Amino acid sequence: MAADWRLIALFGLLLVAVGVPVGGEVYTALAEMEELLETESVLINNLEGYIRAQEDKLNFLKNKMDDYQREHADASGDITAYVSNPINAYLLTKRLTSDWKQVENLMEHDVGTDFVQNITQYRSILKFPSDEDLNGAAVALLRLQDTYQLDTSSVARGKLNGIQYSTEMTSDDCFELGRQSYVNHDYHHTVLWMNEAMARMLEEPSNNTQSFTKADILEYLAFSTYKEGEYIEVALTMTNELLQLLPHHERANGNKRFYEKEIATRLQMKKMKGDDGSDEMPKSDLVRSQNHHGSQIIIQHNPKQPVAKSDPAVYDLTERRAYEMLCRGELKPSPAELRPLRCRYVTNNVPFLRLGPLKLEEAHKDPLIVIYHDAMYDSEIELIKRMARPRFRRATVQNSQTGALETAHYRISKSAWLKTEEDRVIGTVVQRTADMTGLDMDSAEELQVVNYGIGGHYEPHFDCARKEEKRAFEGLNLGNRIATVLFYMSDVEQGGATVFTSLYATLFPKKGTAAFWMNLHRDGEGDARTRHAACPVLTGTKWVSNKWIHERGQEFRRPCSLEEDHGDFGI
C-alpha cells in the first residue's frame, strides 16, 4: 500500500514537471534539444531528493508502527495485567498523546513541498518543452517514417534503417504517438501506432505506469479505422470488443449504432449498383498510391520519368514521390549523366588562389552545380556555431503574396544571421565565397546559419523569387537572388541530403564542403530546374550556413544575355 501511495505522489510530481507550457519550439533545432538533457538531469536529481525524503518519512512511520504493534501484541495477551502496571499505563498514555501527535504531524507534513517548489523555480531558468514541442516531435518522427519507409515495429524497437540506435519504446510511448496523430487528424498513423501500442501492452507482463487501457486503444482504433474510409466492418468489430469491456460506454454505443446504419446503407447501394449487371466499381488503369494520411489518391506517373509539371511552384504528389525517392537514394543519375562530370583544381582568376587552388567537384552539368571541398575549416565552423547559438530563431519563409516572413510546417529548423564585420572569421568566409563564385559580395545577404531539428527538413522550394512574387526582397533593393552558396558544417549519419527534384541530383552533407549554383538564367529569369529540398535528418545533427547573392553589382561579373544558359559563371 505504501508503495502505491509513493507511486501516486511521484506521478503527480512528474505531471507538474512535464506539463508546464513553457516557450516551445525546441524541437525545431537539435542544438536546443541538447539543452533538454540538462533540464532532465536537474529534474532527476530533484526527483531523487524527493523520493529520499518520502522514503525517510515512510521508514520513520514504519518503525513507529512496528513499535506500536509489538507493544499492542504484548498488551493483548493479558489486558488487565498490562494496564495495572503503572509503567505500562504511563507508556500507553504517552503513545496516544505526545507520540501519536508527533506521528500525526509527520503524516500531515508534506516533505515534498520544497522539491515541488524547486520545479517552479526551474521553469524560469531551464528550458522546458511544451505541448507544441511534443506534437512537433511526434509529427517529425512520422515524417521520417513516411519519407524513409520505416516499419512501425522496427521504429518502436529503436531501429532506424536496420541500425539499432536507442532503447525500445514502451506501449505508453506508442500510445502517445498514436494519440498525437489522432489530434492531428492523421488517422493512418493513428492506426499504425495504436496497433503497436496494443501489441506491446500484451507483451509487457506488468506495467503499473500505463496511462491507458485496452478500451482506450480500441476506441481510437475503431474511429480511426472508420475515418480511413474502407474498413467500417472492422471498426464495428473493434467497437463491439470495446463494449464487451465497457458495456455502458456512451460514445461507443453511439458509434455502434452509426456503423451498423452505415453498413446497411452501403449494402443497399451495392445491390442498386448491381441491378444493371455492371461492376460495383469500374476498374481504373491509373497508378494508385497513398498519401501520408492514408487516404487514396489516383495519380498517373512513372517515377522513373522526369518530373514534368504545369506549375513548378506547386508541390504536388508527383514531386513528393520524386523528393522522397531521392531522399531514400532510389533515384540516381544514369551513368551517361555521370560520365562527363569532372573534379579539378581552380583559381577562378584570383591571384591568391594560385598559391592554394580550390578543389571543385561537378555535381551536375546543366544547370551547373558544383561542390567545393575544404571550403570551411573546423575552427571556422566551431566559431560560427558558437556565435549563432544564442541568436537562434525559428527559420522563416517569405509569403509569396505579402512578402512578410513567417514560419511554415514545411521548414523545420532554426536560424541566425551573422554580419560580415562581426568577426574576422566571418569576413574570411565571405571573401572565400567571393573567390568561389566570382561574384560581388556587397549585394549578398548576411551569412545565415541553420540547425535542423527532429526530422528537420525543408520541402521543395526556390531560392529566387518568381515573377508573380512582386514584393519579394523589396526591403533589400538588391534585385533577385542570382546565386546560392550552401556550406555544410557537419556530417550527418543518415538523411539530410540536398536534392534537386527535377534533376535527380543529390548532394550529401560532408563537413567543410560548399555547394554552389546559379538560381537565375543570364536573361534574369528564374531557373525552375534549381528547385531543391532538404531531406529530413534521420539520425545525427545537421548544421549548414548559406550566402544568398543578389543581382545588383553583378552586371560586369555575370553580364546579362538574351540566352538562358548558365555558361560557366567564371569558373
Protein backbone atom coordinates (compact mmCIF):
# COMPACT_ATOMS: atom_id res chain seq x y z
CA MET A 1 0.00 0.00 0.00
CA ALA A 2 2.83 2.36 0.90
CA ALA A 3 4.50 1.64 -2.42
CA ASP A 4 1.27 2.51 -4.28
CA TRP A 5 0.94 5.80 -2.37
CA ARG A 6 4.52 6.73 -3.23
CA LEU A 7 3.88 5.90 -6.90
CA ILE A 8 0.85 8.21 -6.99
CA ALA A 9 2.88 11.01 -5.43
CA LEU A 10 5.69 10.56 -7.92
CA PHE A 11 3.26 10.53 -10.83
CA GLY A 12 1.76 13.79 -9.64
CA LEU A 13 5.21 15.35 -9.39
CA LEU A 14 6.06 14.26 -12.91
CA LEU A 15 2.84 15.79 -14.22
CA VAL A 16 3.80 19.09 -12.62
CA ALA A 17 7.27 18.88 -14.16
CA VAL A 18 6.38 17.88 -17.69
CA GLY A 19 3.00 19.52 -18.18
CA VAL A 20 4.20 23.11 -17.94
CA PRO A 21 3.73 25.02 -21.21
CA VAL A 22 6.94 26.99 -21.41
CA GLY A 23 8.26 28.73 -24.59
CA GLY A 24 8.15 25.99 -27.17
CA GLU A 25 9.75 25.09 -30.47
CA VAL A 26 12.82 23.39 -29.03
CA TYR A 27 12.07 20.55 -31.47
CA THR A 28 12.97 22.79 -34.43
CA ALA A 29 16.72 22.75 -33.66
CA LEU A 30 18.77 19.87 -32.25
CA ALA A 31 21.15 22.41 -30.69
CA GLU A 32 18.31 23.37 -28.36
CA MET A 33 17.16 19.79 -27.88
CA GLU A 34 20.56 19.12 -26.32
CA GLU A 35 19.70 21.57 -23.55
CA LEU A 36 16.72 19.41 -22.60
CA LEU A 37 19.13 16.75 -21.34
CA GLU A 38 20.46 19.29 -18.85
CA THR A 39 16.88 20.01 -17.76
CA GLU A 40 16.22 16.29 -17.38
CA SER A 41 19.40 15.84 -15.32
CA VAL A 42 18.32 18.56 -12.89
CA LEU A 43 14.82 17.09 -12.63
CA ILE A 44 16.19 13.60 -11.99
CA ASN A 45 18.34 14.89 -9.12
CA ASN A 46 15.36 16.78 -7.72
CA LEU A 47 13.13 13.72 -8.04
CA GLU A 48 15.78 11.59 -6.35
CA GLY A 49 15.82 14.01 -3.41
CA TYR A 50 12.02 13.96 -3.26
CA ILE A 51 11.94 10.13 -3.18
CA ARG A 52 14.64 10.02 -0.50
CA ALA A 53 12.67 12.46 1.70
CA GLN A 54 9.48 10.43 1.23
CA GLU A 55 11.31 7.18 1.99
CA ASP A 56 12.81 8.67 5.17
CA LYS A 57 9.33 9.74 6.24
CA LEU A 58 7.82 6.34 5.50
CA ASN A 59 10.70 4.49 7.21
CA PHE A 60 10.19 6.57 10.37
CA LEU A 61 6.45 5.88 10.34
CA LYS A 62 7.05 2.19 9.65
CA ASN A 63 9.44 1.92 12.63
CA LYS A 64 6.86 3.65 14.83
CA MET A 65 4.18 1.27 13.60
CA ASP A 66 6.39 -1.76 14.37
CA ASP A 67 6.94 -0.46 17.92
CA TYR A 68 3.22 0.13 18.41
CA GLN A 69 2.28 -3.31 17.06
CA ARG A 70 4.83 -5.04 19.29
CA GLU A 71 3.60 -3.25 22.45
CA HIS A 72 -0.03 -3.79 21.47
CA ALA A 73 0.57 -7.53 20.95
CA ASP A 74 2.11 -7.81 24.46
CA ALA A 75 -0.83 -5.95 25.98
CA SER A 76 -3.41 -8.09 24.20
CA GLY A 77 -2.13 -11.23 25.96
CA ASP A 78 -3.44 -10.06 29.34
CA ILE A 79 -5.02 -6.61 29.15
CA THR A 80 -5.78 -6.34 32.89
CA ALA A 81 -2.26 -7.27 33.94
CA TYR A 82 -0.79 -4.87 31.32
CA VAL A 83 -2.70 -1.75 32.32
CA SER A 84 -2.34 -2.48 36.05
CA ASN A 85 1.38 -1.97 35.66
CA PRO A 86 1.96 1.79 36.25
CA ILE A 87 4.86 1.91 33.77
CA ASN A 88 2.75 0.31 31.05
CA ALA A 89 -0.10 2.67 31.85
CA TYR A 90 2.23 5.65 31.50
CA LEU A 91 3.71 4.39 28.21
CA LEU A 92 0.26 3.68 26.74
CA THR A 93 -0.89 7.16 27.65
CA LYS A 94 2.29 8.67 26.18
CA ARG A 95 1.89 6.73 22.94
CA LEU A 96 -1.64 8.02 22.47
CA THR A 97 -0.79 11.65 23.31
CA SER A 98 2.62 13.12 22.58
CA ASP A 99 3.90 10.19 20.49
CA TRP A 100 0.78 9.98 18.34
CA LYS A 101 0.70 13.75 17.96
CA GLN A 102 4.23 13.57 16.52
CA VAL A 103 3.18 10.81 14.11
CA GLU A 104 0.04 12.72 13.13
CA ASN A 105 2.04 15.90 12.45
CA LEU A 106 4.51 13.98 10.31
CA MET A 107 1.68 12.37 8.36
CA GLU A 108 0.17 15.80 7.70
CA HIS A 109 3.51 17.37 6.76
CA ASP A 110 4.30 17.22 3.05
CA VAL A 111 8.04 16.62 2.89
CA GLY A 112 7.94 17.07 -0.89
CA THR A 113 6.85 20.72 -0.88
CA ASP A 114 10.38 22.08 -1.25
CA PHE A 115 11.07 19.80 -4.20
CA VAL A 116 7.87 20.82 -5.96
CA GLN A 117 8.78 24.48 -5.38
CA ASN A 118 12.19 23.76 -6.93
CA ILE A 119 10.46 22.77 -10.15
CA THR A 120 8.57 26.06 -10.16
CA GLN A 121 11.90 27.89 -9.96
CA TYR A 122 13.46 25.69 -12.64
CA ARG A 123 10.79 26.77 -15.12
CA SER A 124 12.24 30.26 -15.21
CA ILE A 125 15.88 29.23 -15.65
CA LEU A 126 15.80 25.93 -17.56
CA LYS A 127 14.46 25.06 -20.99
CA PHE A 128 11.23 23.04 -20.84
CA PRO A 129 9.42 21.59 -23.87
CA SER A 130 5.78 22.49 -24.44
CA ASP A 131 2.79 20.57 -25.80
CA GLU A 132 3.65 22.13 -29.16
CA ASP A 133 7.12 20.56 -28.94
CA LEU A 134 5.61 17.17 -28.15
CA ASN A 135 3.32 17.39 -31.15
CA GLY A 136 6.15 18.67 -33.35
CA ALA A 137 8.45 15.84 -32.28
CA ALA A 138 5.69 13.29 -32.96
CA VAL A 139 4.99 14.72 -36.42
CA ALA A 140 8.73 14.71 -37.17
CA LEU A 141 9.03 11.02 -36.28
CA LEU A 142 6.07 10.19 -38.50
CA ARG A 143 7.59 12.25 -41.32
CA LEU A 144 10.76 10.18 -41.06
CA GLN A 145 8.70 7.00 -41.05
CA ASP A 146 6.98 8.02 -44.28
CA THR A 147 9.95 9.51 -46.11
CA TYR A 148 12.30 6.61 -45.40
CA GLN A 149 9.55 3.94 -45.38
CA LEU A 150 10.36 2.75 -41.87
CA ASP A 151 8.49 -0.20 -40.42
CA THR A 152 6.42 0.73 -37.34
CA SER A 153 7.62 -2.21 -35.25
CA SER A 154 11.27 -1.52 -36.13
CA VAL A 155 10.95 2.12 -35.10
CA ALA A 156 9.32 1.04 -31.83
CA ARG A 157 12.31 -1.25 -31.23
CA GLY A 158 14.65 1.74 -31.66
CA LYS A 159 15.89 0.55 -35.04
CA LEU A 160 16.23 3.02 -37.94
CA ASN A 161 17.06 1.67 -41.39
CA GLY A 162 18.28 -1.56 -39.82
CA ILE A 163 20.59 0.12 -37.30
CA GLN A 164 19.86 -0.10 -33.56
CA TYR A 165 20.15 3.40 -32.12
CA SER A 166 18.16 3.51 -28.90
CA THR A 167 16.18 1.56 -26.36
CA GLU A 168 12.76 0.24 -27.23
CA MET A 169 9.61 2.30 -26.92
CA THR A 170 7.08 1.20 -24.32
CA SER A 171 3.41 0.67 -25.02
CA ASP A 172 2.80 4.05 -23.38
CA ASP A 173 5.25 5.73 -25.79
CA CYS A 174 3.48 4.15 -28.78
CA PHE A 175 0.06 5.09 -27.43
CA GLU A 176 1.07 8.75 -27.08
CA LEU A 177 2.43 8.80 -30.63
CA GLY A 178 -0.87 7.40 -31.86
CA ARG A 179 -2.79 9.95 -29.79
CA GLN A 180 -0.77 12.82 -31.23
CA SER A 181 -1.54 11.52 -34.72
CA TYR A 182 -5.23 11.44 -33.83
CA VAL A 183 -5.11 15.04 -32.59
CA ASN A 184 -3.67 16.00 -36.00
CA HIS A 185 -6.45 14.05 -37.81
CA ASP A 186 -3.77 11.73 -39.17
CA TYR A 187 -5.80 8.55 -38.90
CA HIS A 188 -3.40 6.44 -40.94
CA HIS A 189 -0.61 6.80 -38.37
CA THR A 190 -3.12 6.59 -35.51
CA VAL A 191 -3.98 3.06 -36.65
CA LEU A 192 -0.32 2.09 -37.07
CA TRP A 193 0.78 3.26 -33.64
CA MET A 194 -2.33 2.21 -31.70
CA ASN A 195 -1.88 -1.30 -33.10
CA GLU A 196 1.76 -1.21 -31.98
CA ALA A 197 0.68 0.03 -28.53
CA MET A 198 -1.78 -2.87 -28.27
CA ALA A 199 0.85 -5.44 -29.27
CA ARG A 200 3.37 -4.06 -26.76
CA MET A 201 0.80 -3.81 -23.98
CA LEU A 202 0.06 -7.52 -24.35
CA GLU A 203 3.80 -8.32 -24.32
CA GLU A 204 4.59 -6.28 -21.21
CA PRO A 205 3.98 -8.56 -18.20
CA SER A 206 3.00 -5.83 -15.75
CA ASN A 207 3.26 -2.10 -16.27
CA ASN A 208 1.81 -0.08 -13.39
CA THR A 209 2.69 3.22 -15.08
CA GLN A 210 0.42 2.79 -18.12
CA SER A 211 -1.78 5.84 -18.64
CA PHE A 212 -4.29 3.98 -20.82
CA THR A 213 -6.32 0.79 -21.04
CA LYS A 214 -7.15 -1.68 -23.78
CA ALA A 215 -10.52 0.04 -24.09
CA ASP A 216 -8.80 3.36 -24.82
CA ILE A 217 -6.79 1.79 -27.66
CA LEU A 218 -9.88 0.11 -29.12
CA GLU A 219 -11.78 3.40 -29.14
CA TYR A 220 -9.01 5.22 -31.04
CA LEU A 221 -8.53 2.28 -33.40
CA ALA A 222 -12.21 1.87 -34.22
CA PHE A 223 -12.87 5.51 -35.09
CA SER A 224 -9.57 5.97 -36.98
CA THR A 225 -10.20 2.80 -38.99
CA TYR A 226 -13.63 4.15 -39.92
CA LYS A 227 -12.13 7.53 -40.92
CA GLU A 228 -9.74 5.76 -43.28
CA GLY A 229 -12.81 5.03 -45.35
CA GLU A 230 -12.83 1.40 -46.39
CA TYR A 231 -12.96 -0.76 -43.27
CA ILE A 232 -16.20 0.13 -41.49
CA GLU A 233 -16.85 -3.54 -40.67
CA VAL A 234 -13.51 -3.70 -38.87
CA ALA A 235 -14.41 -0.52 -36.99
CA LEU A 236 -17.69 -2.16 -35.88
CA THR A 237 -15.86 -5.31 -34.73
CA MET A 238 -13.47 -3.21 -32.62
CA THR A 239 -16.36 -1.24 -31.16
CA ASN A 240 -18.13 -4.46 -30.16
CA GLU A 241 -14.93 -5.64 -28.47
CA LEU A 242 -14.76 -2.32 -26.62
CA LEU A 243 -18.38 -2.72 -25.45
CA GLN A 244 -17.59 -6.17 -24.07
CA LEU A 245 -15.10 -4.44 -21.77
CA LEU A 246 -17.26 -1.37 -21.05
CA PRO A 247 -20.91 -2.15 -21.88
CA HIS A 248 -22.15 1.32 -20.87
CA HIS A 249 -19.58 3.30 -22.85
CA GLU A 250 -21.82 6.09 -24.20
CA ARG A 251 -19.67 7.13 -27.18
CA ALA A 252 -19.02 3.53 -28.23
CA ASN A 253 -22.73 2.68 -28.14
CA GLY A 254 -23.46 5.70 -30.32
CA ASN A 255 -20.72 4.74 -32.78
CA LYS A 256 -22.01 1.16 -32.91
CA ARG A 257 -25.46 2.33 -33.99
CA PHE A 258 -23.89 4.66 -36.59
CA TYR A 259 -21.62 1.95 -38.04
CA GLU A 260 -24.49 -0.55 -38.31
CA LYS A 261 -26.63 2.02 -40.11
CA GLU A 262 -23.76 2.93 -42.46
CA ILE A 263 -23.08 -0.73 -43.29
CA ALA A 264 -26.79 -1.29 -44.07
CA THR A 265 -26.80 1.78 -46.33
CA ARG A 266 -23.72 0.60 -48.20
CA LEU A 267 -25.20 -2.87 -48.71
CA GLN A 268 -28.33 -1.30 -50.16
CA MET A 269 -26.25 0.89 -52.51
CA LYS A 270 -24.26 -2.17 -53.53
CA LYS A 271 -27.43 -4.00 -54.55
CA MET A 272 -28.64 -1.00 -56.53
CA LYS A 273 -25.35 -0.74 -58.45
CA GLY A 274 -25.59 -4.39 -59.40
CA ASP A 275 -29.13 -4.14 -60.75
CA ASP A 276 -27.98 -3.24 -64.26
CA GLY A 277 -25.41 -6.02 -64.33
CA SER A 278 -22.44 -3.64 -64.15
CA ASP A 279 -19.48 -3.93 -61.81
CA GLU A 280 -19.75 -2.29 -58.43
CA MET A 281 -16.73 -0.13 -59.17
CA PRO A 282 -15.12 0.41 -62.59
CA LYS A 283 -11.50 -0.72 -62.62
CA SER A 284 -9.01 2.08 -63.23
CA ASP A 285 -5.84 1.69 -65.25
CA LEU A 286 -4.20 4.56 -63.36
CA VAL A 287 -1.50 4.02 -60.78
CA ARG A 288 -2.91 4.08 -57.24
CA SER A 289 -0.94 5.46 -54.34
CA GLN A 290 -1.49 6.62 -50.78
CA ASN A 291 -0.75 9.96 -49.23
CA HIS A 292 0.75 10.32 -45.76
CA HIS A 293 -2.72 10.45 -44.18
CA GLY A 294 -3.59 7.06 -45.69
CA SER A 295 -6.37 8.31 -47.99
CA GLN A 296 -6.08 7.02 -51.53
CA ILE A 297 -5.15 9.38 -54.32
CA ILE A 298 -5.14 8.43 -58.01
CA ILE A 299 -2.14 9.55 -59.98
CA GLN A 300 -0.65 8.63 -63.30
CA HIS A 301 3.10 8.92 -63.20
CA ASN A 302 6.11 6.74 -63.66
CA PRO A 303 8.67 7.89 -61.06
CA LYS A 304 11.49 6.83 -63.36
CA GLN A 305 10.50 9.59 -65.79
CA PRO A 306 11.49 13.26 -65.32
CA VAL A 307 9.12 15.30 -63.20
CA ALA A 308 7.00 17.37 -65.62
CA LYS A 309 4.63 19.87 -64.03
CA SER A 310 2.49 22.64 -65.41
CA ASP A 311 3.39 24.89 -62.48
CA PRO A 312 6.85 24.30 -60.98
CA ALA A 313 5.87 26.34 -57.90
CA VAL A 314 3.25 23.74 -56.89
CA TYR A 315 4.38 20.92 -54.61
CA ASP A 316 2.20 18.10 -55.95
CA LEU A 317 2.14 14.35 -55.41
CA THR A 318 4.38 13.76 -58.41
CA GLU A 319 7.14 15.89 -56.94
CA ARG A 320 6.61 14.47 -53.46
CA ARG A 321 7.25 10.97 -54.80
CA ALA A 322 10.42 12.12 -56.52
CA TYR A 323 11.54 14.02 -53.40
CA GLU A 324 11.06 11.04 -51.09
CA MET A 325 12.66 8.59 -53.54
CA LEU A 326 15.67 10.89 -53.87
CA CYS A 327 15.95 11.09 -50.08
CA ARG A 328 15.95 7.28 -49.92
CA GLY A 329 18.54 7.06 -52.68
CA GLU A 330 16.17 5.26 -55.06
CA LEU A 331 16.51 7.82 -57.89
CA LYS A 332 20.01 8.38 -59.23
CA PRO A 333 21.56 9.91 -62.34
CA SER A 334 22.29 7.47 -65.13
CA PRO A 335 25.91 6.50 -65.97
CA ALA A 336 25.61 8.65 -69.11
CA GLU A 337 24.78 11.68 -66.95
CA LEU A 338 27.64 10.99 -64.54
CA ARG A 339 30.27 10.31 -67.20
CA PRO A 340 31.04 13.95 -68.18
CA LEU A 341 31.33 15.17 -64.56
CA ARG A 342 34.86 16.16 -63.52
CA CYS A 343 36.90 17.17 -60.48
CA ARG A 344 39.63 19.76 -60.79
CA TYR A 345 41.68 22.46 -59.07
CA VAL A 346 40.57 26.01 -59.93
CA THR A 347 41.91 29.50 -59.27
CA ASN A 348 38.97 31.41 -60.81
CA ASN A 349 41.45 34.10 -61.95
CA VAL A 350 42.12 35.02 -58.31
CA PRO A 351 45.87 35.64 -57.81
CA PHE A 352 45.79 34.48 -54.17
CA LEU A 353 44.37 31.09 -55.21
CA ARG A 354 47.43 30.36 -57.31
CA LEU A 355 49.14 29.52 -54.03
CA GLY A 356 46.33 27.24 -52.91
CA PRO A 357 43.72 26.46 -55.58
CA LEU A 358 40.19 25.43 -54.70
CA LYS A 359 39.06 21.81 -55.05
CA LEU A 360 36.00 21.73 -57.30
CA GLU A 361 33.73 18.76 -57.99
CA GLU A 362 30.98 18.93 -60.58
CA ALA A 363 27.69 17.55 -59.26
CA HIS A 364 25.59 18.40 -62.31
CA LYS A 365 26.39 19.84 -65.76
CA ASP A 366 23.28 21.70 -66.88
CA PRO A 367 22.41 23.59 -64.80
CA LEU A 368 25.91 23.65 -63.40
CA ILE A 369 26.03 22.65 -59.73
CA VAL A 370 29.44 22.34 -58.12
CA ILE A 371 30.81 21.28 -54.74
CA TYR A 372 33.90 22.90 -53.27
CA HIS A 373 35.86 20.74 -50.84
CA ASP A 374 37.66 22.20 -47.80
CA ALA A 375 35.62 25.37 -48.22
CA MET A 376 35.27 25.90 -44.47
CA TYR A 377 37.65 24.76 -41.75
CA ASP A 378 36.79 23.11 -38.42
CA SER A 379 37.94 26.12 -36.39
CA GLU A 380 35.75 28.41 -38.50
CA ILE A 381 32.79 26.07 -38.14
CA GLU A 382 33.05 25.96 -34.35
CA LEU A 383 33.30 29.75 -34.07
CA ILE A 384 30.31 30.29 -36.36
CA LYS A 385 28.23 27.74 -34.43
CA ARG A 386 29.20 29.38 -31.14
CA MET A 387 28.18 32.81 -32.42
CA ALA A 388 24.88 31.53 -33.86
CA ARG A 389 23.53 29.52 -30.91
CA PRO A 390 22.35 32.45 -28.73
CA ARG A 391 20.58 34.06 -31.70
CA PHE A 392 18.63 31.08 -32.98
CA ARG A 393 15.05 31.77 -34.01
CA ARG A 394 12.58 29.59 -35.86
CA ALA A 395 13.51 29.66 -39.56
CA THR A 396 11.01 31.54 -41.72
CA VAL A 397 9.87 31.64 -45.34
CA GLN A 398 8.62 34.58 -47.36
CA ASN A 399 4.91 34.83 -48.02
CA SER A 400 4.53 34.99 -51.80
CA GLN A 401 1.56 37.38 -51.53
CA THR A 402 2.58 39.82 -48.80
CA GLY A 403 6.36 39.43 -48.78
CA ALA A 404 6.22 39.00 -44.99
CA LEU A 405 8.40 36.44 -43.23
CA GLU A 406 6.52 33.66 -41.46
CA THR A 407 7.11 30.18 -40.04
CA ALA A 408 5.94 27.16 -42.01
CA HIS A 409 5.40 23.46 -41.26
CA TYR A 410 7.47 22.56 -44.33
CA ARG A 411 10.62 24.18 -42.94
CA ILE A 412 11.70 22.74 -39.59
CA SER A 413 14.90 24.42 -38.41
CA LYS A 414 16.24 27.42 -36.53
CA SER A 415 18.49 30.06 -38.00
CA ALA A 416 20.66 33.01 -37.05
CA TRP A 417 22.23 35.76 -39.15
CA LEU A 418 25.88 36.84 -38.81
CA LYS A 419 27.22 40.11 -40.21
CA THR A 420 30.49 40.12 -42.14
CA GLU A 421 32.06 42.76 -39.90
CA GLU A 422 31.27 40.93 -36.64
CA ASP A 423 34.36 38.75 -36.71
CA ARG A 424 37.45 38.30 -38.83
CA VAL A 425 36.48 34.66 -39.47
CA ILE A 426 33.12 35.70 -40.95
CA GLY A 427 34.95 38.13 -43.22
CA THR A 428 37.31 35.36 -44.32
CA VAL A 429 34.43 33.03 -45.18
CA VAL A 430 32.67 35.77 -47.15
CA GLN A 431 35.87 36.54 -49.10
CA ARG A 432 36.28 32.84 -49.84
CA THR A 433 32.69 32.81 -51.11
CA ALA A 434 33.57 35.65 -53.48
CA ASP A 435 36.59 33.68 -54.71
CA MET A 436 34.49 30.56 -55.25
CA THR A 437 31.70 32.31 -57.15
CA GLY A 438 33.42 35.20 -58.90
CA LEU A 439 30.54 37.39 -57.70
CA ASP A 440 30.38 40.64 -55.73
CA MET A 441 29.51 40.09 -52.05
CA ASP A 442 28.31 43.66 -51.46
CA SER A 443 24.84 42.59 -52.62
CA ALA A 444 24.84 39.31 -50.69
CA GLU A 445 22.66 38.73 -47.63
CA GLU A 446 24.24 38.13 -44.25
CA LEU A 447 25.58 34.65 -43.52
CA GLN A 448 22.62 32.54 -42.42
CA VAL A 449 23.44 29.70 -40.01
CA VAL A 450 20.88 26.90 -39.74
CA ASN A 451 20.49 23.95 -37.38
CA TYR A 452 17.82 21.40 -38.24
CA GLY A 453 15.55 19.91 -35.59
CA ILE A 454 13.98 16.48 -35.08
CA GLY A 455 13.39 15.14 -38.58
CA GLY A 456 14.44 18.62 -39.75
CA HIS A 457 13.66 19.27 -43.40
CA TYR A 458 12.78 21.92 -45.98
CA GLU A 459 10.35 20.83 -48.66
CA PRO A 460 10.97 21.67 -52.37
CA HIS A 461 11.37 25.41 -52.91
CA PHE A 462 13.15 28.04 -54.97
CA ASP A 463 15.79 30.34 -53.53
CA CYS A 464 14.95 33.04 -56.09
CA ALA A 465 11.67 34.92 -56.35
CA ARG A 466 9.31 34.05 -59.17
CA LYS A 467 7.62 36.58 -61.46
CA GLU A 468 4.38 36.60 -59.50
CA GLU A 469 6.19 37.32 -56.22
CA LYS A 470 6.21 41.09 -56.74
CA ARG A 471 7.08 42.01 -53.15
CA ALA A 472 9.93 39.56 -52.58
CA PHE A 473 13.13 41.17 -51.26
CA GLU A 474 11.59 44.62 -51.68
CA GLY A 475 13.18 45.83 -48.47
CA LEU A 476 16.66 44.92 -49.72
CA ASN A 477 16.51 46.72 -53.10
CA LEU A 478 19.19 44.37 -54.41
CA GLY A 479 17.26 42.53 -57.10
CA ASN A 480 16.60 38.83 -57.18
CA ARG A 481 18.79 36.09 -55.70
CA ILE A 482 21.17 35.27 -58.53
CA ALA A 483 23.12 32.51 -56.77
CA THR A 484 23.27 30.28 -53.68
CA VAL A 485 26.29 29.03 -51.76
CA LEU A 486 25.46 26.35 -49.19
CA PHE A 487 28.13 25.39 -46.64
CA TYR A 488 27.81 22.00 -44.91
CA MET A 489 29.06 22.40 -41.33
CA SER A 490 28.52 18.85 -40.10
CA ASP A 491 28.43 15.27 -41.28
CA VAL A 492 25.02 13.58 -40.98
CA GLU A 493 24.75 9.88 -40.11
CA GLN A 494 21.57 9.25 -42.12
CA GLY A 495 19.39 11.58 -44.17
CA GLY A 496 19.74 15.33 -44.53
CA ALA A 497 20.69 15.35 -48.23
CA THR A 498 20.01 18.30 -50.54
CA VAL A 499 18.03 17.05 -53.54
CA PHE A 500 17.04 18.71 -56.83
CA THR A 501 13.69 17.16 -57.63
CA SER A 502 13.66 17.69 -61.40
CA LEU A 503 17.35 16.86 -61.94
CA TYR A 504 17.55 13.72 -59.77
CA ALA A 505 20.69 15.25 -58.29
CA THR A 506 21.54 14.54 -54.64
CA LEU A 507 24.16 16.31 -52.53
CA PHE A 508 25.05 14.52 -49.30
CA PRO A 509 26.26 16.64 -46.37
CA LYS A 510 30.01 16.48 -45.83
CA LYS A 511 31.56 18.71 -43.22
CA GLY A 512 33.59 21.53 -44.74
CA THR A 513 32.17 21.33 -48.26
CA ALA A 514 30.13 24.01 -50.04
CA ALA A 515 27.60 23.66 -52.87
CA PHE A 516 27.19 26.46 -55.42
CA TRP A 517 24.66 27.05 -58.17
CA MET A 518 23.02 29.89 -60.08
CA ASN A 519 19.30 30.49 -59.45
CA LEU A 520 18.78 32.74 -62.48
CA HIS A 521 19.39 32.36 -66.19
CA ARG A 522 21.52 35.01 -67.86
CA ASP A 523 18.37 36.74 -69.08
CA GLY A 524 17.28 37.24 -65.46
CA GLU A 525 14.54 34.62 -65.47
CA GLY A 526 14.43 32.08 -62.67
CA ASP A 527 15.75 28.62 -63.48
CA ALA A 528 12.97 26.21 -62.44
CA ARG A 529 15.43 23.34 -62.56
CA THR A 530 17.17 24.62 -59.40
CA ARG A 531 14.11 23.82 -57.28
CA HIS A 532 15.54 21.84 -54.38
CA ALA A 533 14.78 20.47 -50.93
CA ALA A 534 16.48 19.42 -47.70
CA CYS A 535 15.65 15.80 -46.84
CA PRO A 536 14.63 15.03 -43.25
CA VAL A 537 17.53 14.27 -40.89
CA LEU A 538 17.04 10.64 -39.87
CA THR A 539 19.90 10.37 -37.37
CA GLY A 540 22.63 12.81 -36.44
CA THR A 541 22.60 16.60 -36.48
CA LYS A 542 22.73 18.89 -39.48
CA TRP A 543 24.38 22.32 -39.46
CA VAL A 544 24.57 24.44 -42.61
CA SER A 545 25.20 28.06 -43.46
CA ASN A 546 24.46 29.86 -46.68
CA LYS A 547 25.08 33.05 -48.62
CA TRP A 548 22.34 34.25 -50.92
CA ILE A 549 23.85 36.55 -53.54
CA HIS A 550 21.70 39.14 -55.33
CA GLU A 551 21.77 40.63 -58.82
CA ARG A 552 22.91 44.17 -58.05
CA GLY A 553 26.61 44.68 -58.65
CA GLN A 554 26.98 41.57 -60.82
CA GLU A 555 26.45 43.39 -64.16
CA PHE A 556 30.07 43.05 -65.24
CA ARG A 557 30.87 39.83 -63.36
CA ARG A 558 27.98 37.95 -64.98
CA PRO A 559 26.70 40.03 -67.91
CA CYS A 560 23.10 39.76 -68.98
CA SER A 561 22.25 37.82 -72.13
CA LEU A 562 19.21 37.04 -74.19
CA GLU A 563 20.10 33.38 -73.86
CA GLU A 564 19.06 31.29 -70.86
CA ASP A 565 22.14 29.13 -70.45
CA HIS A 566 24.18 29.34 -67.30
CA GLY A 567 27.53 29.49 -69.00
CA ASP A 568 30.48 28.64 -66.80
CA PHE A 569 29.97 31.55 -64.33
CA GLY A 570 33.63 32.47 -64.40
CA ILE A 571 34.98 29.18 -63.12
